[in-house]
Every structure is written in structure tokens, then in C-alpha cells.
């Protein structure tokens, strides 16, 4: 036999709980929509092409000795190419040996570029 007062109380609590769960679910869904909109905006900003090419900074200001990687970036090439040129003596680019490290003077790289520059002033 069911107790009418007990059943009504249980049903009332069940209804209150369902209302609270529905409210919480709506709030959570709203939070998810806001978060997803923000994520979409961030992704779109990251994916948007930039028309400005960042200026390439090689070495530290006021520093004349560059690592192989920095020298390669300065010449717009791969570091491995510069290493092969040095080892096979393909081009006469002076370098400084400090222990096991190799450094290039920026001024020597500029001279190398100047020697390799071809143009109408050389063809007279």
C-alpha cells in the first residue's frame, strides 16, 4: 500500500530536482556556446593570412660573430649548405674557429655577397 503523503513529497522533490537540472543544463550549454565562439574566433585570427612579412633579425645587435645557423639565415640558405661549403672549400668565406665552434663575421658575409653580385656594372 502506497502512502499518499510520502508519494506526493517524492514527486514534488523530483519536480524541483528536474527543474534545477534543466536550468543547470541550459547554463552549461550557454557556456559551451560562448567558449566555442571564442575558439572559432581565435582559430580564424590565427588562420588569417598576414600581408606583412616580419623583419628577419640575425644575431644580436652590435655583435659581429654569427653562428653557422645565424650566418645561413643572413645569407637566406640552410645551415647545412654553409657547412658543406666550408668543409669542401667550395667558396672562400672566412670563418673563425673557437674550440669546436664555428663563427662567421658579418662583414665577411657582406664581402662574400658583394663578390658574388652580378650586374651591368660588372659586365663593361
C-alpha atoms as a PDB file:
ATOM      1  CA  UNK A   1       0.000   0.000   0.000  1.00  0.00           C
ATOM      2  CA  UNK A   2       1.329   3.405  -1.000  1.00  0.00           C
ATOM      3  CA  UNK A   3       1.416   6.279   1.373  1.00  0.00           C
ATOM      4  CA  UNK A   4      -0.222   9.295  -0.366  1.00  0.00           C
ATOM      5  CA  UNK A   5       1.655  11.958   1.603  1.00  0.00           C
ATOM      6  CA  UNK A   6       5.005  10.239   1.001  1.00  0.00           C
ATOM      7  CA  UNK A   7       4.357   9.827  -2.745  1.00  0.00           C
ATOM      8  CA  UNK A   8       3.369  13.492  -3.135  1.00  0.00           C
ATOM      9  CA  UNK A   9       6.502  14.651  -1.315  1.00  0.00           C
ATOM     10  CA  UNK A  10       8.737  12.441  -3.503  1.00  0.00           C
ATOM     11  CA  UNK A  11       7.029  13.705  -6.644  1.00  0.00           C
ATOM     12  CA  UNK A  12       7.432  17.316  -5.514  1.00  0.00           C
ATOM     13  CA  UNK A  13      11.170  16.812  -4.832  1.00  0.00           C
ATOM     14  CA  UNK A  14      11.545  15.043  -8.166  1.00  0.00           C
ATOM     15  CA  UNK A  15       9.962  18.005  -9.982  1.00  0.00           C
ATOM     16  CA  UNK A  16      12.180  20.512  -8.163  1.00  0.00           C
ATOM     17  CA  UNK A  17      15.272  18.492  -8.964  1.00  0.00           C
ATOM     18  CA  UNK A  18      14.295  18.215 -12.638  1.00  0.00           C
ATOM     19  CA  UNK A  19      13.768  21.998 -12.836  1.00  0.00           C
ATOM     20  CA  UNK A  20      17.199  22.644 -11.310  1.00  0.00           C
ATOM     21  CA  UNK A  21      18.863  20.155 -13.649  1.00  0.00           C
ATOM     22  CA  UNK A  22      17.177  21.781 -16.675  1.00  0.00           C
ATOM     23  CA  UNK A  23      18.372  25.232 -15.544  1.00  0.00           C
ATOM     24  CA  UNK A  24      21.922  23.973 -14.989  1.00  0.00           C
ATOM     25  CA  UNK A  25      21.930  22.252 -18.386  1.00  0.00           C
ATOM     26  CA  UNK A  26      20.830  25.461 -20.117  1.00  0.00           C
ATOM     27  CA  UNK A  27      23.549  27.429 -18.280  1.00  0.00           C
ATOM     28  CA  UNK A  28      26.170  24.855 -19.220  1.00  0.00           C
ATOM     29  CA  UNK A  29      25.032  24.913 -22.847  1.00  0.00           C
ATOM     30  CA  UNK A  30      25.334  28.714 -22.871  1.00  0.00           C
ATOM     31  CA  UNK A  31      28.860  28.457 -21.503  1.00  0.00           C
ATOM     32  CA  UNK A  32      29.728  25.917 -24.200  1.00  0.00           C
ATOM     33  CA  UNK A  33      28.364  28.244 -26.923  1.00  0.00           C
ATOM     34  CA  UNK A  34      30.429  31.169 -25.623  1.00  0.00           C
ATOM     35  CA  UNK A  35      33.581  29.042 -25.395  1.00  0.00           C
ATOM     36  CA  UNK A  36      33.076  27.588 -28.877  1.00  0.00           C
ATOM     37  CA  UNK A  37      32.544  31.080 -30.348  1.00  0.00           C
ATOM     38  CA  UNK A  38      35.766  32.281 -28.724  1.00  0.00           C
ATOM     39  CA  UNK A  39      37.690  29.271 -30.025  1.00  0.00           C
ATOM     40  CA  UNK A  40      36.375  29.820 -33.546  1.00  0.00           C
ATOM     41  CA  UNK A  41      37.396  33.476 -33.395  1.00  0.00           C
ATOM     42  CA  UNK A  42      40.907  32.576 -32.190  1.00  0.00           C
ATOM     43  CA  UNK A  43      41.342  29.961 -34.926  1.00  0.00           C
ATOM     44  CA  UNK A  44      40.156  32.398 -37.584  1.00  0.00           C
ATOM     45  CA  UNK A  45      42.612  35.055 -36.384  1.00  0.00           C
ATOM     46  CA  UNK A  46      45.488  32.551 -36.431  1.00  0.00           C
ATOM     47  CA  UNK A  47      44.491  31.283 -39.880  1.00  0.00           C
ATOM     48  CA  UNK A  48      44.041  34.742 -41.383  1.00  0.00           C
ATOM     49  CA  UNK A  49      46.916  35.468 -43.766  1.00  0.00           C
ATOM     50  CA  UNK A  50      49.144  38.319 -42.765  1.00  0.00           C
ATOM     51  CA  UNK A  51      50.401  40.554 -45.519  1.00  0.00           C
ATOM     52  CA  UNK A  52      53.341  41.870 -43.551  1.00  0.00           C
ATOM     53  CA  UNK A  53      56.456  39.754 -43.545  1.00  0.00           C
ATOM     54  CA  UNK A  54      58.235  40.079 -40.212  1.00  0.00           C
ATOM     55  CA  UNK A  55      61.711  41.511 -40.434  1.00  0.00           C
ATOM     56  CA  UNK A  56      64.319  38.812 -40.001  1.00  0.00           C
ATOM     57  CA  UNK A  57      66.736  39.645 -37.197  1.00  0.00           C
ATOM     58  CA  UNK A  58      70.028  37.827 -37.377  1.00  0.00           C
ATOM     59  CA  UNK A  59      72.363  37.767 -34.414  1.00  0.00           C
ATOM     60  CA  UNK A  60      72.273  40.259 -31.621  1.00  0.00           C
ATOM     61  CA  UNK A  61      72.707  43.970 -32.301  1.00  0.00           C
ATOM     62  CA  UNK A  62      76.335  45.074 -32.116  1.00  0.00           C
ATOM     63  CA  UNK A  63      77.585  41.507 -32.414  1.00  0.00           C
ATOM     64  CA  UNK A  64      79.820  40.750 -35.375  1.00  0.00           C
ATOM     65  CA  UNK A  65      80.336  36.993 -34.888  1.00  0.00           C
ATOM     66  CA  UNK A  66      77.455  34.814 -36.045  1.00  0.00           C
ATOM     67  CA  UNK A  67      76.870  31.096 -35.571  1.00  0.00           C
ATOM     68  CA  UNK A  68      76.558  28.900 -38.647  1.00  0.00           C
ATOM     69  CA  UNK A  69      72.772  28.966 -38.275  1.00  0.00           C
ATOM     70  CA  UNK A  70      72.706  32.766 -37.976  1.00  0.00           C
ATOM     71  CA  UNK A  71      75.086  33.175 -40.910  1.00  0.00           C
ATOM     72  CA  UNK A  72      72.944  30.844 -43.014  1.00  0.00           C
ATOM     73  CA  UNK A  73      69.830  32.854 -42.126  1.00  0.00           C
ATOM     74  CA  UNK A  74      71.698  36.031 -43.037  1.00  0.00           C
ATOM     75  CA  UNK A  75      72.519  34.522 -46.453  1.00  0.00           C
ATOM     76  CA  UNK A  76      68.984  33.093 -46.717  1.00  0.00           C
ATOM     77  CA  UNK A  77      70.094  29.478 -47.012  1.00  0.00           C
ATOM     78  CA  UNK A  78      70.257  26.295 -44.969  1.00  0.00           C
ATOM     79  CA  UNK A  79      72.943  25.907 -42.322  1.00  0.00           C
ATOM     80  CA  UNK A  80      73.857  22.511 -43.791  1.00  0.00           C
ATOM     81  CA  UNK A  81      74.703  24.175 -47.138  1.00  0.00           C
ATOM     82  CA  UNK A  82      77.055  26.605 -45.418  1.00  0.00           C
ATOM     83  CA  UNK A  83      78.682  23.707 -43.533  1.00  0.00           C
ATOM     84  CA  UNK A  84      79.254  21.757 -46.767  1.00  0.00           C
ATOM     85  CA  UNK A  85      80.734  24.848 -48.446  1.00  0.00           C
ATOM     86  CA  UNK A  86      83.108  25.312 -45.512  1.00  0.00           C
ATOM     87  CA  UNK A  87      84.187  21.654 -45.361  1.00  0.00           C
ATOM     88  CA  UNK A  88      84.632  21.243 -49.131  1.00  0.00           C
ATOM     89  CA  UNK A  89      86.123  24.747 -49.507  1.00  0.00           C
ATOM     90  CA  UNK A  90      83.657  25.480 -52.266  1.00  0.00           C
ATOM     91  CA  UNK A  91      83.591  29.211 -51.552  1.00  0.00           C
ATOM     92  CA  UNK A  92      86.187  31.275 -49.769  1.00  0.00           C
ATOM     93  CA  UNK A  93      84.093  32.546 -46.878  1.00  0.00           C
ATOM     94  CA  UNK A  94      86.376  33.235 -43.918  1.00  0.00           C
ATOM     95  CA  UNK A  95      85.295  31.731 -40.613  1.00  0.00           C
ATOM     96  CA  UNK A  96      86.546  31.807 -37.050  1.00  0.00           C
ATOM     97  CA  UNK A  97      87.158  28.559 -35.188  1.00  0.00           C
ATOM     98  CA  UNK A  98      86.687  28.832 -31.418  1.00  0.00           C
ATOM     99  CA  UNK A  99      87.142  25.433 -29.811  1.00  0.00           C
ATOM    100  CA  UNK A 100      84.724  23.189 -31.677  1.00  0.00           C
ATOM    101  CA  UNK A 101      82.517  26.133 -32.599  1.00  0.00           C
ATOM    102  CA  UNK A 102      82.500  27.984 -35.910  1.00  0.00           C
ATOM    103  CA  UNK A 103      81.616  31.656 -36.240  1.00  0.00           C
ATOM    104  CA  UNK A 104      81.330  33.988 -39.203  1.00  0.00           C
ATOM    105  CA  UNK A 105      81.946  37.720 -39.214  1.00  0.00           C
ATOM    106  CA  UNK A 106      79.012  39.624 -40.627  1.00  0.00           C
ATOM    107  CA  UNK A 107      81.442  41.856 -42.528  1.00  0.00           C
ATOM    108  CA  UNK A 108      82.951  38.769 -44.247  1.00  0.00           C
ATOM    109  CA  UNK A 109      79.476  37.635 -45.258  1.00  0.00           C
ATOM    110  CA  UNK A 110      78.780  41.092 -46.695  1.00  0.00           C
ATOM    111  CA  UNK A 111      82.029  40.918 -48.698  1.00  0.00           C
ATOM    112  CA  UNK A 112      81.061  37.444 -49.961  1.00  0.00           C
ATOM    113  CA  UNK A 113      77.697  38.801 -51.124  1.00  0.00           C
ATOM    114  CA  UNK A 114      79.427  41.733 -52.831  1.00  0.00           C
ATOM    115  CA  UNK A 115      81.870  39.411 -54.656  1.00  0.00           C
ATOM    116  CA  UNK A 116      79.008  37.201 -55.847  1.00  0.00           C
ATOM    117  CA  UNK A 117      76.854  40.122 -57.056  1.00  0.00           C
ATOM    118  CA  UNK A 118      76.489  40.227 -60.834  1.00  0.00           C
ATOM    119  CA  UNK A 119      75.075  43.157 -62.708  1.00  0.00           C
ATOM    120  CA  UNK A 120      75.533  45.617 -65.531  1.00  0.00           C
ATOM    121  CA  UNK A 121      78.375  47.416 -63.727  1.00  0.00           C
ATOM    122  CA  UNK A 122      80.490  44.196 -63.810  1.00  0.00           C
ATOM    123  CA  UNK A 123      79.868  43.444 -67.489  1.00  0.00           C
ATOM    124  CA  UNK A 124      81.566  46.510 -69.013  1.00  0.00           C
END
